[in-house]
Amino acid sequence: MRRFALIRPTELSHARALVEAEPETRQLRAGGIDLIDRMKEGLDEPDLLVELRDLGELAARVGVADSAPPRPLVADHDHWTEAPRHAQIGALTSLAELAAVELPGAEAASMAAGQAATPSIRNTATVAGNLLQRPRCWYFRSRELVCLKKGGDTCLALTGDNRYNAILGGGPSFIVHPSSVATALLALDASAQVYRGPAGAPEGPAKQSKQPPEDQLISLERLFVSPADDPTREHSLGPGEILTSLWVPLLDGQRSAYQAVREKQSHDWPLVEAAVRVRLDGETLRDVRVALGHVAPIPWLSRPAAEILEGQTPSAELFAEAAEAALAEAKPLDGNAYKIPMTKGLLREVLHRACDLPLPE
């Protein structure tokens, strides 16, 4: 690992300015789990790490507010007036802290956080870091190999060992997004609050300004970047832009569930994941969202499955139909076709759990 310097700014504008000035040699650091791994592997060699721990706007917290975000933000969807309450999750909240919090209706987020990694990693890894981590594909992680994501001409998984790669939305890269928390938060229709300015602040404590911080609220779906748009990136944040918190709308009567399948129950990356949010209006499903993980280069929102479920009465037959629709466009590679029936079965199970409907024997 190369030598590097560490700086701990106390203002968002200073942190952003530091990275924005030299984005090729400077990086933000939160928990640092993935970043330090990449530095050890020789994939990243920053000269300066900008530590985020002293930024109060990112503080570890999970709370429920009876309102929308506290100040006007630019939003790309309008569910804020529809949900009576919202859960706010600070970017520096550890996975262990999120796992320990009871969020009625948003249990999927705590489930995903509590099943990720090992206890020691969960105590250090942050929610924002989990969302923004880079792929774990062994071709990408090998310093000697130049895959598409590192500027090569092709995704090496196409002709190599691709048992863990994408079956949905793949091409030109077939990585799978590594974040379990992202799968759950996508199902919960979460939004990311992002600090985008002010640009060009001096390298030092930012001067006092009468202008409010330039924050933006974007749906989580728009945080992630498909390889079809840019195979070298996984998220839409620019140099120095900082994810400060997550906002989760809490609809009256909503339920959620998350589950993953792994090769072994101890620390292991999921083979497939499923998360759902539903609201039961009597015996009718409303506001349904279905998300799948470790099957696509981005956390995968299945609109076809949700459309089949919306307005219907929960049943094993309906859930099976939704699972078929969710995987209808799957295009497996040579070694990962097993993910299709596995994902269908897992999604049916998660739907049964969310709706308190007994699993068929």
Protein backbone atom coordinates (compact mmCIF):
# COMPACT_ATOMS: atom_id res chain seq x y z
CA MET A 1 0.00 0.00 0.00
CA ARG A 2 1.30 3.44 -0.93
CA ARG A 3 1.82 6.13 1.69
CA PHE A 4 -1.06 8.58 2.01
CA ALA A 5 -2.10 11.57 4.09
CA LEU A 6 -5.33 11.83 6.08
CA ILE A 7 -7.28 15.02 6.75
CA ARG A 8 -10.41 15.47 8.89
CA PRO A 9 -12.44 18.47 7.70
CA THR A 10 -15.28 19.75 9.84
CA GLU A 11 -17.35 21.33 7.08
CA LEU A 12 -18.98 19.71 4.07
CA SER A 13 -17.81 22.44 1.70
CA HIS A 14 -14.19 21.88 2.73
CA ALA A 15 -14.46 18.10 2.27
CA ARG A 16 -15.95 18.51 -1.16
CA ALA A 17 -13.42 21.11 -2.26
CA LEU A 18 -10.49 18.92 -1.26
CA VAL A 19 -11.61 16.03 -3.46
CA GLU A 20 -12.95 18.20 -6.27
CA ALA A 21 -9.57 19.91 -6.63
CA GLU A 22 -7.73 16.64 -7.39
CA PRO A 23 -10.23 13.80 -7.85
CA GLU A 24 -7.64 11.44 -9.35
CA THR A 25 -5.49 11.40 -6.21
CA ARG A 26 -7.94 12.16 -3.38
CA GLN A 27 -10.85 10.15 -2.02
CA LEU A 28 -13.54 10.42 0.64
CA ARG A 29 -13.40 7.95 3.51
CA ALA A 30 -16.25 6.89 5.80
CA GLY A 31 -15.96 3.41 7.30
CA GLY A 32 -13.21 2.63 4.82
CA ILE A 33 -13.92 -1.11 4.57
CA ASP A 34 -14.05 -1.29 0.77
CA LEU A 35 -11.63 1.59 0.18
CA ILE A 36 -8.85 0.05 2.29
CA ASP A 37 -9.40 -3.30 0.56
CA ARG A 38 -8.96 -1.64 -2.83
CA MET A 39 -5.85 0.16 -1.64
CA LYS A 40 -4.36 -3.11 -0.39
CA GLU A 41 -5.18 -4.73 -3.72
CA GLY A 42 -3.47 -1.90 -5.58
CA LEU A 43 -6.64 -0.83 -7.40
CA ASP A 44 -6.75 2.61 -5.75
CA GLU A 45 -3.65 4.60 -4.78
CA PRO A 46 -4.82 7.94 -3.35
CA ASP A 47 -2.37 10.47 -1.98
CA LEU A 48 -4.98 11.95 0.38
CA LEU A 49 -7.95 10.50 2.23
CA VAL A 50 -10.63 12.95 3.32
CA GLU A 51 -12.10 11.57 6.56
CA LEU A 52 -15.83 12.22 6.99
CA ARG A 53 -16.23 11.26 10.64
CA ASP A 54 -16.26 14.83 11.99
CA LEU A 55 -19.05 16.06 9.71
CA GLY A 56 -22.18 16.44 11.82
CA GLU A 57 -24.50 16.41 8.80
CA LEU A 58 -23.54 12.76 8.22
CA ALA A 59 -23.85 11.69 11.86
CA ALA A 60 -24.91 8.18 12.72
CA ARG A 61 -28.63 8.28 13.41
CA VAL A 62 -31.86 6.54 12.55
CA GLY A 63 -35.05 8.39 13.36
CA VAL A 64 -38.64 8.86 12.25
CA ALA A 65 -40.00 12.31 11.40
CA ASP A 66 -43.63 13.32 10.93
CA SER A 67 -42.66 15.39 7.91
CA ALA A 68 -40.64 15.52 4.72
CA PRO A 69 -36.95 16.56 4.72
CA PRO A 70 -36.45 19.73 6.79
CA ARG A 71 -35.50 22.14 4.02
CA PRO A 72 -36.48 22.53 0.37
CA LEU A 73 -34.64 20.07 -1.84
CA VAL A 74 -34.82 19.33 -5.53
CA ALA A 75 -36.71 16.04 -5.74
CA ASP A 76 -37.28 13.89 -8.81
CA HIS A 77 -40.46 12.34 -7.45
CA ASP A 78 -43.30 13.58 -5.29
CA HIS A 79 -44.12 10.91 -2.73
CA TRP A 80 -43.17 13.29 0.10
CA THR A 81 -46.68 14.70 0.28
CA GLU A 82 -48.17 11.20 0.27
CA ALA A 83 -46.29 9.58 3.12
CA PRO A 84 -47.30 10.74 6.62
CA ARG A 85 -43.88 9.94 8.08
CA HIS A 86 -40.30 9.38 6.95
CA ALA A 87 -37.35 7.53 8.43
CA GLN A 88 -34.02 9.32 8.14
CA ILE A 89 -30.78 7.34 8.17
CA GLY A 90 -27.53 9.27 8.56
CA ALA A 91 -24.81 8.35 6.07
CA LEU A 92 -22.34 7.38 8.82
CA THR A 93 -24.81 5.06 10.55
CA SER A 94 -23.10 1.69 10.84
CA LEU A 95 -24.73 -1.44 9.52
CA ALA A 96 -24.89 -2.74 13.08
CA GLU A 97 -26.71 0.40 14.26
CA LEU A 98 -29.24 0.14 11.43
CA ALA A 99 -29.75 -3.56 12.13
CA ALA A 100 -30.55 -2.80 15.78
CA VAL A 101 -33.30 -0.26 15.06
CA GLU A 102 -36.95 -1.24 14.73
CA LEU A 103 -38.56 0.61 11.83
CA PRO A 104 -42.15 -0.63 11.54
CA GLY A 105 -42.93 -1.07 7.88
CA ALA A 106 -39.28 -0.66 6.85
CA GLU A 107 -37.98 -3.84 8.46
CA ALA A 108 -36.31 -4.84 5.19
CA ALA A 109 -33.57 -2.25 5.74
CA SER A 110 -32.68 -3.61 9.18
CA MET A 111 -32.84 -7.18 7.89
CA ALA A 112 -30.42 -6.44 5.07
CA ALA A 113 -28.01 -4.56 7.33
CA GLY A 114 -28.10 -7.33 9.94
CA GLN A 115 -27.29 -10.06 7.43
CA ALA A 116 -24.42 -8.27 5.69
CA ALA A 117 -20.81 -9.31 6.25
CA THR A 118 -19.58 -10.22 9.76
CA PRO A 119 -20.28 -8.58 13.15
CA SER A 120 -16.90 -6.83 13.17
CA ILE A 121 -17.44 -5.40 9.68
CA ARG A 122 -21.01 -4.36 10.50
CA ASN A 123 -19.71 -2.39 13.48
CA THR A 124 -17.46 -0.33 11.19
CA ALA A 125 -19.04 -0.27 7.74
CA THR A 126 -21.43 2.63 7.10
CA VAL A 127 -24.74 2.66 5.27
CA ALA A 128 -23.47 5.12 2.67
CA GLY A 129 -20.28 3.14 2.18
CA ASN A 130 -22.29 -0.01 1.65
CA LEU A 131 -24.36 1.71 -1.04
CA LEU A 132 -21.33 3.16 -2.83
CA GLN A 133 -18.89 0.25 -2.63
CA ARG A 134 -17.32 -0.98 -5.84
CA PRO A 135 -17.94 -4.40 -7.46
CA ARG A 136 -16.55 -7.56 -5.91
CA CYS A 137 -16.16 -9.34 -9.26
CA TRP A 138 -12.84 -11.20 -9.16
CA TYR A 139 -11.86 -9.92 -12.61
CA PHE A 140 -12.29 -6.33 -11.45
CA ARG A 141 -10.49 -7.01 -8.17
CA SER A 142 -7.46 -8.62 -9.83
CA ARG A 143 -4.76 -6.00 -10.30
CA GLU A 144 -3.23 -7.89 -13.21
CA LEU A 145 -6.43 -8.10 -15.28
CA VAL A 146 -7.73 -5.20 -17.34
CA CYS A 147 -11.47 -5.74 -17.54
CA LEU A 148 -14.05 -3.41 -19.07
CA LYS A 149 -14.58 -1.54 -15.80
CA LYS A 150 -10.87 -0.73 -15.68
CA GLY A 151 -10.62 0.54 -19.24
CA GLY A 152 -10.37 -2.75 -21.10
CA ASP A 153 -12.22 -3.76 -24.24
CA THR A 154 -14.53 -6.41 -22.83
CA CYS A 155 -16.08 -7.90 -19.71
CA LEU A 156 -13.92 -10.89 -18.87
CA ALA A 157 -16.86 -12.70 -17.28
CA LEU A 158 -18.32 -13.31 -20.73
CA THR A 159 -15.78 -16.02 -21.48
CA GLY A 160 -14.54 -16.75 -17.98
CA ASP A 161 -16.00 -18.09 -14.74
CA ASN A 162 -19.29 -16.21 -14.49
CA ARG A 163 -21.19 -18.20 -11.87
CA TYR A 164 -21.75 -15.07 -9.73
CA ASN A 165 -22.41 -12.55 -12.50
CA ALA A 166 -25.54 -10.78 -13.74
CA ILE A 167 -28.58 -12.40 -15.32
CA LEU A 168 -30.61 -9.17 -15.62
CA GLY A 169 -29.57 -5.86 -17.17
CA GLY A 170 -26.11 -7.10 -18.06
CA GLY A 171 -23.99 -5.65 -20.84
CA PRO A 172 -21.52 -4.49 -21.65
CA SER A 173 -20.40 -5.29 -18.08
CA PHE A 174 -21.90 -8.23 -16.18
CA ILE A 175 -20.90 -7.38 -12.63
CA VAL A 176 -23.52 -7.58 -9.87
CA HIS A 177 -24.00 -4.68 -7.50
CA PRO A 178 -22.58 -5.71 -4.10
CA SER A 179 -24.82 -3.70 -1.74
CA SER A 180 -27.44 -5.63 0.21
CA VAL A 181 -28.71 -2.47 1.90
CA ALA A 182 -29.33 -0.96 -1.55
CA THR A 183 -31.68 -3.80 -2.46
CA ALA A 184 -33.79 -3.24 0.65
CA LEU A 185 -33.79 0.57 0.39
CA LEU A 186 -34.75 0.41 -3.27
CA ALA A 187 -37.76 -1.72 -2.39
CA LEU A 188 -38.63 0.85 0.29
CA ASP A 189 -38.60 3.71 -2.27
CA ALA A 190 -35.80 5.48 -0.40
CA SER A 191 -34.17 8.70 -1.55
CA ALA A 192 -30.60 9.88 -1.12
CA GLN A 193 -29.81 13.38 0.14
CA VAL A 194 -26.65 14.52 -1.64
CA TYR A 195 -24.44 17.51 -0.90
CA ARG A 196 -23.47 19.00 -4.26
CA GLY A 197 -22.01 22.41 -3.38
CA PRO A 198 -20.82 25.01 -3.11
CA ALA A 199 -18.24 24.20 -5.77
CA GLY A 200 -14.79 25.67 -5.69
CA ALA A 201 -14.56 26.31 -1.94
CA PRO A 202 -11.02 27.10 -0.72
CA GLU A 203 -8.80 24.38 0.74
CA GLY A 204 -9.36 25.34 4.32
CA PRO A 205 -12.27 25.95 6.67
CA ALA A 206 -15.11 27.24 4.51
CA LYS A 207 -16.06 30.86 4.98
CA GLN A 208 -19.44 31.62 6.45
CA SER A 209 -22.11 32.09 3.81
CA LYS A 210 -25.69 33.24 3.93
CA GLN A 211 -26.58 30.74 1.22
CA PRO A 212 -28.05 27.42 2.40
CA PRO A 213 -26.12 24.24 1.58
CA GLU A 214 -26.73 23.06 -1.95
CA ASP A 215 -28.39 19.74 -1.28
CA GLN A 216 -30.38 17.59 -3.66
CA LEU A 217 -32.75 14.73 -3.06
CA ILE A 218 -32.71 11.95 -5.65
CA SER A 219 -34.55 8.66 -5.73
CA LEU A 220 -32.23 5.79 -4.91
CA GLU A 221 -32.91 4.32 -8.32
CA ARG A 222 -31.22 7.36 -9.91
CA LEU A 223 -28.20 7.11 -7.64
CA PHE A 224 -26.94 4.04 -9.49
CA VAL A 225 -25.46 4.01 -12.99
CA SER A 226 -25.97 1.13 -15.41
CA PRO A 227 -22.94 -0.11 -17.37
CA ALA A 228 -24.97 0.58 -20.50
CA ASP A 229 -24.64 4.27 -19.59
CA ASP A 230 -21.07 4.15 -18.27
CA PRO A 231 -19.28 0.81 -17.70
CA THR A 232 -16.61 2.43 -15.51
CA ARG A 233 -19.00 3.83 -12.85
CA GLU A 234 -21.57 2.46 -10.41
CA HIS A 235 -23.13 5.68 -9.08
CA SER A 236 -23.96 9.18 -10.25
CA LEU A 237 -22.09 11.23 -7.63
CA GLY A 238 -19.52 13.64 -9.02
CA PRO A 239 -16.06 14.32 -7.54
CA GLY A 240 -16.45 15.50 -3.96
CA GLU A 241 -20.23 15.12 -3.86
CA ILE A 242 -21.27 13.55 -0.58
CA LEU A 243 -24.23 11.36 0.32
CA THR A 244 -25.38 12.78 3.66
CA SER A 245 -28.49 10.77 4.54
CA LEU A 246 -31.22 8.44 3.31
CA TRP A 247 -34.95 9.17 3.57
CA VAL A 248 -37.50 6.35 3.61
CA PRO A 249 -41.23 7.14 3.24
CA LEU A 250 -43.40 5.25 5.72
CA LEU A 251 -46.91 4.67 4.39
CA ASP A 252 -49.72 3.79 6.77
CA GLY A 253 -50.00 0.01 7.02
CA GLN A 254 -46.95 -0.81 4.91
CA ARG A 255 -44.95 -3.99 5.40
CA SER A 256 -41.60 -5.11 4.05
CA ALA A 257 -39.29 -8.09 4.01
CA TYR A 258 -35.79 -9.00 2.79
CA GLN A 259 -33.92 -12.24 2.38
CA ALA A 260 -30.74 -13.49 0.68
CA VAL A 261 -29.43 -16.89 -0.39
CA ARG A 262 -25.75 -17.59 0.23
CA GLU A 263 -23.52 -20.58 -0.36
CA LYS A 264 -22.83 -20.59 3.37
CA GLN A 265 -24.51 -18.71 6.19
CA SER A 266 -21.29 -17.37 7.68
CA HIS A 267 -19.73 -14.34 6.01
CA ASP A 268 -20.35 -14.74 2.31
CA TRP A 269 -21.64 -12.61 -0.53
CA PRO A 270 -25.23 -13.33 -1.51
CA LEU A 271 -25.97 -15.36 -4.60
CA VAL A 272 -29.35 -13.64 -4.96
CA GLU A 273 -31.48 -11.28 -2.85
CA ALA A 274 -35.09 -10.16 -2.81
CA ALA A 275 -36.85 -7.33 -0.96
CA VAL A 276 -40.45 -6.15 -1.14
CA ARG A 277 -42.65 -3.41 0.22
CA VAL A 278 -46.43 -3.76 0.25
CA ARG A 279 -49.38 -2.07 1.88
CA LEU A 280 -52.45 -4.13 2.66
CA ASP A 281 -55.70 -2.26 2.10
CA GLY A 282 -58.03 -4.82 3.62
CA GLU A 283 -57.11 -7.84 1.51
CA THR A 284 -55.78 -5.83 -1.42
CA LEU A 285 -52.13 -5.18 -2.20
CA ARG A 286 -51.25 -1.51 -2.70
CA ASP A 287 -48.04 0.50 -3.27
CA VAL A 288 -46.07 -2.63 -4.17
CA ARG A 289 -42.34 -2.45 -4.86
CA VAL A 290 -40.11 -5.42 -5.67
CA ALA A 291 -36.31 -5.23 -5.72
CA LEU A 292 -33.74 -7.91 -6.50
CA GLY A 293 -30.06 -7.97 -5.61
CA HIS A 294 -26.92 -9.70 -6.89
CA VAL A 295 -28.64 -10.45 -10.18
CA ALA A 296 -27.86 -7.23 -12.08
CA PRO A 297 -25.15 -4.55 -12.35
CA ILE A 298 -27.41 -2.19 -10.38
CA PRO A 299 -29.95 -2.90 -7.63
CA TRP A 300 -32.82 -4.17 -9.75
CA LEU A 301 -36.34 -2.74 -9.45
CA SER A 302 -38.85 -5.17 -10.95
CA ARG A 303 -41.78 -3.16 -12.24
CA PRO A 304 -43.38 -6.14 -14.06
CA ALA A 305 -43.65 -8.06 -10.79
CA ALA A 306 -45.08 -5.05 -8.95
CA GLU A 307 -47.66 -4.44 -11.69
CA ILE A 308 -48.94 -8.00 -11.39
CA LEU A 309 -49.25 -7.71 -7.61
CA GLU A 310 -50.78 -4.23 -7.42
CA GLY A 311 -54.50 -4.27 -6.60
CA GLN A 312 -54.67 -8.04 -6.17
CA THR A 313 -55.37 -10.36 -3.23
CA PRO A 314 -52.29 -12.14 -1.85
CA SER A 315 -52.05 -15.81 -2.83
CA ALA A 316 -49.42 -18.40 -3.61
CA GLU A 317 -50.55 -18.45 -7.23
CA LEU A 318 -50.26 -14.67 -7.54
CA PHE A 319 -46.78 -14.66 -6.01
CA ALA A 320 -45.64 -17.39 -8.39
CA GLU A 321 -46.91 -15.34 -11.34
CA ALA A 322 -45.09 -12.26 -10.08
CA ALA A 323 -41.85 -14.24 -9.67
CA GLU A 324 -42.11 -15.48 -13.26
CA ALA A 325 -42.60 -11.91 -14.48
CA ALA A 326 -39.62 -10.65 -12.45
CA LEU A 327 -37.27 -13.07 -14.24
CA ALA A 328 -38.93 -13.12 -17.66
CA GLU A 329 -36.14 -11.04 -19.22
CA ALA A 330 -33.26 -12.88 -17.55
CA LYS A 331 -30.38 -13.74 -19.88
CA PRO A 332 -27.98 -16.02 -18.03
CA LEU A 333 -24.37 -16.60 -18.98
CA ASP A 334 -22.84 -20.05 -19.29
CA GLY A 335 -22.42 -20.61 -15.55
CA ASN A 336 -25.20 -18.73 -13.74
CA ALA A 337 -28.54 -20.01 -15.04
CA TYR A 338 -29.13 -21.47 -11.55
CA LYS A 339 -29.88 -17.91 -10.39
CA ILE A 340 -33.18 -17.84 -12.28
CA PRO A 341 -35.09 -20.54 -10.31
CA MET A 342 -33.28 -19.51 -7.13
CA THR A 343 -34.44 -15.91 -7.45
CA LYS A 344 -38.00 -16.94 -8.30
CA GLY A 345 -38.22 -19.12 -5.21
CA LEU A 346 -36.68 -16.48 -2.97
CA LEU A 347 -39.04 -13.77 -4.21
CA ARG A 348 -42.06 -15.99 -3.56
CA GLU A 349 -40.80 -16.63 -0.02
CA VAL A 350 -40.24 -12.93 0.68
CA LEU A 351 -43.73 -12.05 -0.60
CA HIS A 352 -45.27 -14.69 1.65
CA ARG A 353 -43.40 -13.29 4.66
CA ALA A 354 -44.31 -9.68 3.93
CA CYS A 355 -47.99 -10.57 3.65
CA ASP A 356 -48.03 -13.04 6.58
CA LEU A 357 -49.24 -15.74 4.20
CA PRO A 358 -48.06 -19.25 5.12
CA LEU A 359 -45.65 -20.83 2.69
CA PRO A 360 -47.13 -23.73 0.70
CA GLU A 361 -45.87 -27.12 1.81
